[in-house]
N, C-alpha and C. Protein backbone atom coordinates (compact mmCIF):
# COMPACT_ATOMS: atom_id res chain seq x y z
N MET A 1 85.70 66.59 99.70
CA MET A 1 86.75 67.22 99.22
C MET A 1 86.26 68.75 99.06
N THR A 2 87.27 69.70 99.39
CA THR A 2 86.73 71.18 99.09
C THR A 2 87.26 71.47 97.62
N ALA A 3 87.04 72.67 97.03
CA ALA A 3 87.23 72.99 95.69
C ALA A 3 89.08 73.29 95.85
N ALA A 4 89.51 73.56 96.87
CA ALA A 4 90.80 73.91 96.95
C ALA A 4 91.61 72.66 97.21
N ASP A 5 91.14 71.62 97.84
CA ASP A 5 91.75 70.38 97.72
C ASP A 5 91.40 69.67 96.52
N ASP A 6 90.43 69.76 95.57
CA ASP A 6 90.44 69.43 93.95
C ASP A 6 91.67 69.91 93.22
N LEU A 7 91.75 71.40 93.50
CA LEU A 7 92.69 72.26 92.77
C LEU A 7 94.11 71.42 92.98
N LEU A 8 94.27 71.67 94.40
CA LEU A 8 95.92 71.30 94.64
C LEU A 8 96.05 70.11 94.10
N ALA A 9 95.07 68.95 94.09
CA ALA A 9 95.20 67.46 93.46
C ALA A 9 95.68 67.52 92.10
N ALA A 10 94.98 68.57 91.63
CA ALA A 10 95.16 68.61 89.95
C ALA A 10 96.38 68.94 89.61
N LEU A 11 97.07 69.94 90.61
CA LEU A 11 98.50 70.89 90.24
C LEU A 11 99.61 70.04 90.34
N SER A 12 100.56 69.89 89.27
CA SER A 12 101.60 69.30 89.38
C SER A 12 102.82 70.12 90.54
N THR A 13 103.53 69.33 90.85
CA THR A 13 104.51 70.05 91.93
C THR A 13 105.04 71.24 91.29
N ARG A 14 105.48 71.05 89.77
CA ARG A 14 106.10 72.31 89.11
C ARG A 14 105.09 73.78 89.39
N GLU A 15 103.74 73.12 88.91
CA GLU A 15 102.67 73.96 88.91
C GLU A 15 102.36 74.68 90.24
N LYS A 16 102.68 73.91 91.49
CA LYS A 16 102.40 74.55 92.74
C LYS A 16 103.38 75.66 92.95
N ILE A 17 104.70 75.08 92.81
CA ILE A 17 105.67 76.16 93.17
C ILE A 17 105.43 77.16 92.19
N GLY A 18 105.38 77.06 90.99
CA GLY A 18 104.63 78.32 90.01
C GLY A 18 103.97 79.12 90.74
N GLN A 19 102.94 78.64 91.59
CA GLN A 19 101.90 79.50 92.30
C GLN A 19 102.67 80.26 93.44
N LEU A 20 103.79 79.64 93.96
CA LEU A 20 104.36 80.35 95.01
C LEU A 20 105.40 81.16 94.53
N ASN A 21 105.67 81.43 93.42
CA ASN A 21 106.77 82.45 92.89
C ASN A 21 106.31 83.81 93.14
N GLN A 22 107.12 84.43 93.73
CA GLN A 22 106.88 85.95 93.92
C GLN A 22 107.88 86.99 93.81
N ARG A 23 109.00 86.26 92.90
CA ARG A 23 110.09 87.07 92.87
C ARG A 23 110.34 88.24 91.94
N LEU A 24 109.19 88.26 90.84
CA LEU A 24 109.31 89.15 89.89
C LEU A 24 108.95 90.92 89.96
N TYR A 25 109.58 91.80 89.43
CA TYR A 25 108.99 92.95 89.87
C TYR A 25 107.96 93.30 88.60
N GLY A 26 106.88 94.15 89.11
CA GLY A 26 105.97 94.18 87.70
C GLY A 26 106.57 95.11 86.81
N TRP A 27 107.21 96.00 87.13
CA TRP A 27 107.66 96.99 86.07
C TRP A 27 108.83 96.28 85.25
N GLU A 28 109.48 95.17 85.39
CA GLU A 28 110.25 94.47 84.46
C GLU A 28 109.37 93.33 83.58
N CYS A 29 108.15 93.23 83.89
CA CYS A 29 107.21 92.46 83.29
C CYS A 29 106.37 92.61 82.26
N VAL A 30 105.77 94.09 82.45
CA VAL A 30 104.89 94.74 81.55
C VAL A 30 105.19 96.14 81.44
N ARG A 31 105.27 96.57 79.77
CA ARG A 31 105.56 97.65 79.25
C ARG A 31 104.54 98.49 78.76
N ARG A 32 104.77 99.58 78.93
CA ARG A 32 103.61 100.40 78.39
C ARG A 32 103.94 100.67 77.07
N THR A 33 102.99 100.51 76.12
CA THR A 33 102.98 100.82 74.85
C THR A 33 101.77 101.99 73.95
N PRO A 34 102.07 102.41 73.12
CA PRO A 34 101.00 103.23 72.81
C PRO A 34 99.69 103.14 72.59
N GLY A 35 99.52 101.65 72.63
CA GLY A 35 98.07 100.97 72.54
C GLY A 35 97.86 100.36 73.93
N GLY A 36 98.76 100.65 74.77
CA GLY A 36 97.91 99.97 76.16
C GLY A 36 99.37 99.28 76.78
N TYR A 37 99.55 97.96 77.03
CA TYR A 37 100.54 97.38 77.65
C TYR A 37 100.84 96.16 77.07
N GLU A 38 102.10 95.61 77.04
CA GLU A 38 102.40 94.24 76.63
C GLU A 38 103.55 93.49 77.76
N LEU A 39 103.27 92.26 77.47
CA LEU A 39 104.01 91.47 78.61
C LEU A 39 105.59 91.23 78.01
N THR A 40 106.59 91.48 78.73
CA THR A 40 107.73 91.29 78.30
C THR A 40 108.53 89.85 78.28
N ASP A 41 109.29 89.72 77.76
CA ASP A 41 110.33 88.36 77.60
C ASP A 41 110.37 87.66 78.93
N THR A 42 110.96 88.68 79.90
CA THR A 42 111.15 88.44 81.21
C THR A 42 109.96 87.82 81.98
N LEU A 43 108.87 88.29 81.51
CA LEU A 43 107.97 87.42 82.31
C LEU A 43 107.65 85.97 81.52
N HIS A 44 107.35 86.28 80.46
CA HIS A 44 107.31 84.73 79.50
C HIS A 44 108.00 83.88 79.89
N ALA A 45 109.49 84.31 80.06
CA ALA A 45 110.68 83.22 80.50
C ALA A 45 110.39 82.72 81.77
N GLU A 46 109.66 83.52 82.77
CA GLU A 46 109.21 82.91 84.08
C GLU A 46 108.24 82.03 84.08
N LEU A 47 106.97 82.51 83.19
CA LEU A 47 105.97 81.44 83.24
C LEU A 47 106.21 80.14 82.67
N GLU A 48 107.27 80.17 81.63
CA GLU A 48 107.60 78.88 81.07
C GLU A 48 108.52 78.25 81.89
N ARG A 49 109.45 78.68 82.73
CA ARG A 49 110.03 78.10 83.75
C ARG A 49 109.44 77.37 84.91
N TRP A 50 108.27 78.05 85.31
CA TRP A 50 107.77 77.60 86.49
C TRP A 50 106.13 77.07 86.45
N SER A 51 105.76 77.46 85.21
CA SER A 51 104.42 76.78 84.76
C SER A 51 103.17 77.74 85.56
N GLY A 52 103.63 78.82 85.80
CA GLY A 52 102.54 79.85 86.68
C GLY A 52 103.67 80.82 87.24
N LEU A 53 102.49 81.73 87.93
CA LEU A 53 103.11 83.03 88.73
C LEU A 53 102.35 83.24 89.88
N GLY A 54 102.62 83.14 90.89
CA GLY A 54 101.79 83.60 92.32
C GLY A 54 101.60 84.76 92.35
N ALA A 55 102.23 85.70 92.28
CA ALA A 55 101.92 87.22 92.32
C ALA A 55 102.88 88.13 91.47
N LEU A 56 102.70 89.27 91.06
CA LEU A 56 103.53 90.20 90.20
C LEU A 56 103.64 91.26 91.41
N TYR A 57 104.50 91.59 91.81
CA TYR A 57 104.83 92.76 92.79
C TYR A 57 105.02 94.08 91.97
N GLY A 58 104.54 95.18 92.85
CA GLY A 58 104.79 96.50 92.17
C GLY A 58 104.56 96.60 90.64
N LEU A 59 103.17 96.40 90.24
CA LEU A 59 103.00 96.36 88.94
C LEU A 59 102.84 97.85 88.37
N PHE A 60 102.15 98.36 89.18
CA PHE A 60 101.64 99.80 88.75
C PHE A 60 102.53 100.97 89.69
N ARG A 61 103.74 100.51 90.29
CA ARG A 61 104.32 101.63 90.88
C ARG A 61 104.98 102.69 90.47
N ALA A 62 104.80 103.74 90.95
CA ALA A 62 105.15 105.09 90.30
C ALA A 62 106.51 105.31 90.25
N ASP A 63 107.28 104.93 91.14
CA ASP A 63 108.95 105.50 91.34
C ASP A 63 109.57 104.72 90.17
N PRO A 64 109.44 103.65 89.76
CA PRO A 64 110.52 103.28 88.69
C PRO A 64 110.19 104.25 87.25
N GLY A 65 109.13 104.32 87.07
CA GLY A 65 108.58 105.47 85.82
C GLY A 65 109.25 106.71 86.07
N ARG A 66 108.91 107.21 87.42
CA ARG A 66 109.27 108.70 87.69
C ARG A 66 110.97 108.80 87.71
N ASP A 67 111.45 107.60 88.08
CA ASP A 67 112.88 107.76 88.19
C ASP A 67 113.62 107.74 87.07
N ALA A 68 113.00 106.83 85.89
CA ALA A 68 113.54 106.77 84.55
C ALA A 68 113.38 108.14 83.66
N ALA A 69 112.21 109.07 84.16
CA ALA A 69 111.97 110.14 83.73
C ALA A 69 112.85 111.50 84.25
N GLY A 70 113.44 110.96 85.10
CA GLY A 70 114.53 112.07 85.75
C GLY A 70 113.65 113.07 86.56
N ARG A 71 112.52 112.80 87.42
CA ARG A 71 111.73 113.76 87.97
C ARG A 71 111.52 112.99 89.33
N THR A 72 111.59 113.94 90.18
CA THR A 72 111.20 113.78 91.60
C THR A 72 110.06 114.31 92.29
N VAL A 73 109.28 113.86 93.15
CA VAL A 73 108.29 114.35 93.81
C VAL A 73 108.45 114.92 94.96
N SER A 74 108.23 116.20 95.39
CA SER A 74 108.70 116.44 96.89
C SER A 74 107.57 116.51 97.79
N ARG A 75 106.34 116.56 97.18
CA ARG A 75 105.02 116.79 98.07
C ARG A 75 104.19 115.77 97.17
N PRO A 76 103.41 115.09 98.33
CA PRO A 76 102.26 114.01 97.57
C PRO A 76 101.37 115.06 97.07
N ARG A 77 100.22 114.53 95.86
CA ARG A 77 99.40 115.37 95.55
C ARG A 77 98.19 115.87 96.38
N THR A 78 98.08 115.52 97.56
CA THR A 78 97.34 115.93 98.71
C THR A 78 97.52 117.16 99.17
N GLY A 79 98.65 117.66 98.95
CA GLY A 79 99.53 118.97 99.58
C GLY A 79 99.98 118.81 100.81
N HIS A 80 99.89 117.58 101.59
CA HIS A 80 100.26 117.47 102.66
C HIS A 80 101.64 116.99 102.64
N THR A 81 102.56 117.41 103.55
CA THR A 81 104.14 116.99 103.49
C THR A 81 104.54 116.26 104.58
């Protein structure tokens, strides 16, 4: 048996489903604080429900924060348009 086979054999069906779970947006799950970052209740609820998380999409995407601040970027930082 391979290590992957051993791992799959050890996981419950619920844990396997949790590893496939990729429906959350990162900016809904992690909040910036003065001291760094903290996990939100949204993420904790999802982890509790599915016993895991396969991926967190767009964790450090710029546009949700930029939109919240009311700013837009007309040119990328490289100066190319």
